[in-house]
């Protein structure tokens, strides 16, 4: 386990974010309308944000 990601479980690390209640409600409505979990949309948003800002993220290694 990488010392920088102490809460790794499988291929994802747990984290906590705080959102304004109205943002969370909007995200939940969007999630319900797409049948995709809120977490999926948050991961996608973070990926797109990092890409837009030119932050390289290594691809995960394939399990053997």
N, C-alpha and C. Protein backbone atom coordinates (compact mmCIF):
# COMPACT_ATOMS: atom_id res chain seq x y z
N UNK A 1 0.85 -1.19 0.00
CA UNK A 1 0.00 0.00 0.00
C UNK A 1 0.88 1.24 0.00
N UNK A 2 0.53 2.17 -0.83
CA UNK A 2 1.26 3.42 -0.95
C UNK A 2 1.03 4.26 0.31
N UNK A 3 2.09 4.81 0.88
CA UNK A 3 1.94 5.60 2.11
C UNK A 3 1.12 6.87 1.90
N UNK A 4 0.99 7.31 0.64
CA UNK A 4 0.21 8.52 0.35
C UNK A 4 -1.29 8.25 0.25
N UNK A 5 -1.67 6.99 0.21
CA UNK A 5 -3.09 6.64 0.10
C UNK A 5 -3.43 5.60 1.17
N UNK A 6 -3.54 6.05 2.41
CA UNK A 6 -3.73 5.10 3.51
C UNK A 6 -5.09 4.42 3.52
N UNK A 7 -6.06 4.92 2.80
CA UNK A 7 -7.40 4.34 2.86
C UNK A 7 -7.77 3.59 1.60
N UNK A 8 -6.78 3.02 0.93
CA UNK A 8 -7.04 2.29 -0.30
C UNK A 8 -7.85 1.03 -0.02
N UNK A 9 -8.83 0.81 -0.85
CA UNK A 9 -9.61 -0.43 -0.85
C UNK A 9 -9.73 -0.84 -2.30
N UNK A 10 -9.07 -1.91 -2.66
CA UNK A 10 -9.10 -2.32 -4.06
C UNK A 10 -8.41 -1.30 -4.92
N UNK A 11 -9.11 -0.78 -5.91
CA UNK A 11 -8.52 0.17 -6.85
C UNK A 11 -8.94 1.61 -6.57
N UNK A 12 -9.60 1.87 -5.44
CA UNK A 12 -10.06 3.22 -5.14
C UNK A 12 -9.68 3.61 -3.73
N UNK A 13 -9.47 4.89 -3.53
CA UNK A 13 -9.16 5.42 -2.20
C UNK A 13 -10.37 6.18 -1.68
N UNK A 14 -10.68 5.99 -0.42
CA UNK A 14 -11.80 6.70 0.20
C UNK A 14 -11.38 8.12 0.54
N UNK A 15 -12.31 9.06 0.38
CA UNK A 15 -12.06 10.45 0.73
C UNK A 15 -13.37 11.09 1.15
N UNK A 16 -13.29 12.25 1.71
CA UNK A 16 -14.48 12.98 2.13
C UNK A 16 -14.45 14.37 1.51
N UNK A 17 -15.57 14.80 0.98
CA UNK A 17 -15.68 16.17 0.49
C UNK A 17 -16.92 16.79 1.12
N UNK A 18 -16.91 18.08 1.22
CA UNK A 18 -18.04 18.82 1.76
C UNK A 18 -18.62 19.69 0.66
N UNK A 19 -19.91 19.52 0.39
CA UNK A 19 -20.59 20.28 -0.64
C UNK A 19 -21.69 21.11 0.00
N UNK A 20 -21.97 22.25 -0.63
CA UNK A 20 -23.13 23.03 -0.18
C UNK A 20 -24.37 22.17 -0.40
N UNK A 21 -25.35 22.26 0.49
CA UNK A 21 -26.55 21.41 0.36
C UNK A 21 -27.23 21.51 -1.00
N UNK A 22 -27.30 22.71 -1.56
CA UNK A 22 -27.96 22.86 -2.86
C UNK A 22 -27.17 22.20 -3.98
N UNK A 23 -25.84 22.17 -3.86
CA UNK A 23 -25.02 21.48 -4.85
C UNK A 23 -25.23 19.97 -4.75
N UNK A 24 -25.26 19.47 -3.53
CA UNK A 24 -25.50 18.04 -3.33
C UNK A 24 -26.87 17.64 -3.86
N UNK A 25 -27.89 18.42 -3.59
CA UNK A 25 -29.23 18.09 -4.09
C UNK A 25 -29.26 18.07 -5.62
N UNK A 26 -28.61 19.05 -6.24
CA UNK A 26 -28.55 19.09 -7.71
C UNK A 26 -27.80 17.87 -8.24
N UNK A 27 -26.73 17.51 -7.61
CA UNK A 27 -25.95 16.34 -8.02
C UNK A 27 -26.77 15.06 -7.85
N UNK A 28 -27.52 14.97 -6.77
CA UNK A 28 -28.37 13.80 -6.56
C UNK A 28 -29.47 13.71 -7.60
N UNK A 29 -30.07 14.84 -7.96
CA UNK A 29 -31.10 14.84 -9.01
C UNK A 29 -30.49 14.41 -10.35
N UNK A 30 -29.32 14.95 -10.65
CA UNK A 30 -28.63 14.58 -11.89
C UNK A 30 -28.32 13.09 -11.89
N UNK A 31 -27.83 12.60 -10.78
CA UNK A 31 -27.49 11.19 -10.65
C UNK A 31 -28.72 10.31 -10.89
N UNK A 32 -29.84 10.68 -10.29
CA UNK A 32 -31.07 9.91 -10.47
C UNK A 32 -31.53 9.93 -11.92
N UNK A 33 -31.34 11.04 -12.60
CA UNK A 33 -31.79 11.15 -13.99
C UNK A 33 -30.92 10.36 -14.95
N UNK A 34 -29.71 10.02 -14.54
CA UNK A 34 -28.79 9.28 -15.41
C UNK A 34 -28.63 7.83 -14.99
N UNK A 35 -29.24 7.45 -13.86
CA UNK A 35 -29.09 6.09 -13.32
C UNK A 35 -27.63 5.72 -13.06
N UNK A 36 -26.82 6.71 -12.76
CA UNK A 36 -25.42 6.48 -12.40
C UNK A 36 -25.21 7.06 -11.00
N UNK A 37 -24.40 6.41 -10.18
CA UNK A 37 -24.20 6.89 -8.81
C UNK A 37 -23.52 8.27 -8.76
N UNK A 38 -23.79 8.99 -7.69
CA UNK A 38 -23.15 10.28 -7.46
C UNK A 38 -21.63 10.13 -7.54
N UNK A 39 -21.10 9.08 -6.93
CA UNK A 39 -19.65 8.86 -6.93
C UNK A 39 -19.08 8.77 -8.35
N UNK A 40 -19.83 8.15 -9.25
CA UNK A 40 -19.38 8.05 -10.65
C UNK A 40 -19.20 9.45 -11.24
N UNK A 41 -20.20 10.31 -11.03
CA UNK A 41 -20.14 11.66 -11.58
C UNK A 41 -19.02 12.47 -10.94
N UNK A 42 -18.79 12.28 -9.66
CA UNK A 42 -17.69 13.00 -8.99
C UNK A 42 -16.34 12.55 -9.53
N UNK A 43 -16.15 11.23 -9.69
CA UNK A 43 -14.88 10.73 -10.24
C UNK A 43 -14.66 11.27 -11.65
N UNK A 44 -15.73 11.26 -12.46
CA UNK A 44 -15.62 11.76 -13.83
C UNK A 44 -15.26 13.25 -13.82
N UNK A 45 -15.90 14.01 -12.94
CA UNK A 45 -15.62 15.46 -12.87
C UNK A 45 -14.17 15.72 -12.46
N UNK A 46 -13.66 14.95 -11.52
CA UNK A 46 -12.27 15.13 -11.08
C UNK A 46 -11.32 14.77 -12.22
N UNK A 47 -11.58 13.66 -12.91
CA UNK A 47 -10.75 13.27 -14.05
C UNK A 47 -10.71 14.38 -15.10
N UNK A 48 -11.88 14.91 -15.44
CA UNK A 48 -11.95 15.97 -16.46
C UNK A 48 -11.25 17.25 -16.00
N UNK A 49 -11.37 17.58 -14.72
CA UNK A 49 -10.72 18.77 -14.16
C UNK A 49 -9.20 18.64 -14.26
N UNK A 50 -8.68 17.48 -13.86
CA UNK A 50 -7.23 17.28 -13.91
C UNK A 50 -6.73 17.32 -15.35
N UNK A 51 -7.47 16.70 -16.25
CA UNK A 51 -7.08 16.71 -17.66
C UNK A 51 -7.06 18.14 -18.21
N UNK A 52 -8.09 18.91 -17.89
CA UNK A 52 -8.17 20.30 -18.37
C UNK A 52 -7.00 21.14 -17.88
N UNK A 53 -6.50 20.82 -16.70
CA UNK A 53 -5.39 21.58 -16.13
C UNK A 53 -4.03 20.93 -16.41
N UNK A 54 -4.01 19.94 -17.27
CA UNK A 54 -2.76 19.34 -17.69
C UNK A 54 -2.07 18.50 -16.64
N UNK A 55 -2.83 17.97 -15.70
CA UNK A 55 -2.25 17.13 -14.66
C UNK A 55 -2.29 15.68 -15.15
N UNK A 56 -1.11 15.09 -15.30
CA UNK A 56 -1.03 13.71 -15.78
C UNK A 56 -1.33 12.75 -14.63
N UNK A 57 -2.19 11.80 -14.91
CA UNK A 57 -2.53 10.76 -13.94
C UNK A 57 -2.16 9.43 -14.57
N UNK A 58 -1.28 8.68 -13.92
CA UNK A 58 -0.90 7.38 -14.51
C UNK A 58 -2.11 6.45 -14.58
N UNK A 59 -2.15 5.66 -15.62
CA UNK A 59 -3.21 4.66 -15.77
C UNK A 59 -2.98 3.56 -14.73
N UNK A 60 -4.06 2.99 -14.19
CA UNK A 60 -3.90 1.91 -13.21
C UNK A 60 -3.28 0.68 -13.86
N UNK A 61 -2.51 -0.05 -13.07
CA UNK A 61 -1.89 -1.27 -13.57
C UNK A 61 -2.96 -2.36 -13.63
N UNK A 62 -2.90 -3.16 -14.67
CA UNK A 62 -3.85 -4.27 -14.84
C UNK A 62 -3.52 -5.37 -13.84
N UNK A 63 -4.55 -5.97 -13.25
CA UNK A 63 -4.35 -7.10 -12.33
C UNK A 63 -3.96 -8.33 -13.15
N UNK A 64 -3.12 -9.13 -12.61
CA UNK A 64 -2.67 -10.33 -13.33
C UNK A 64 -3.59 -11.48 -13.13
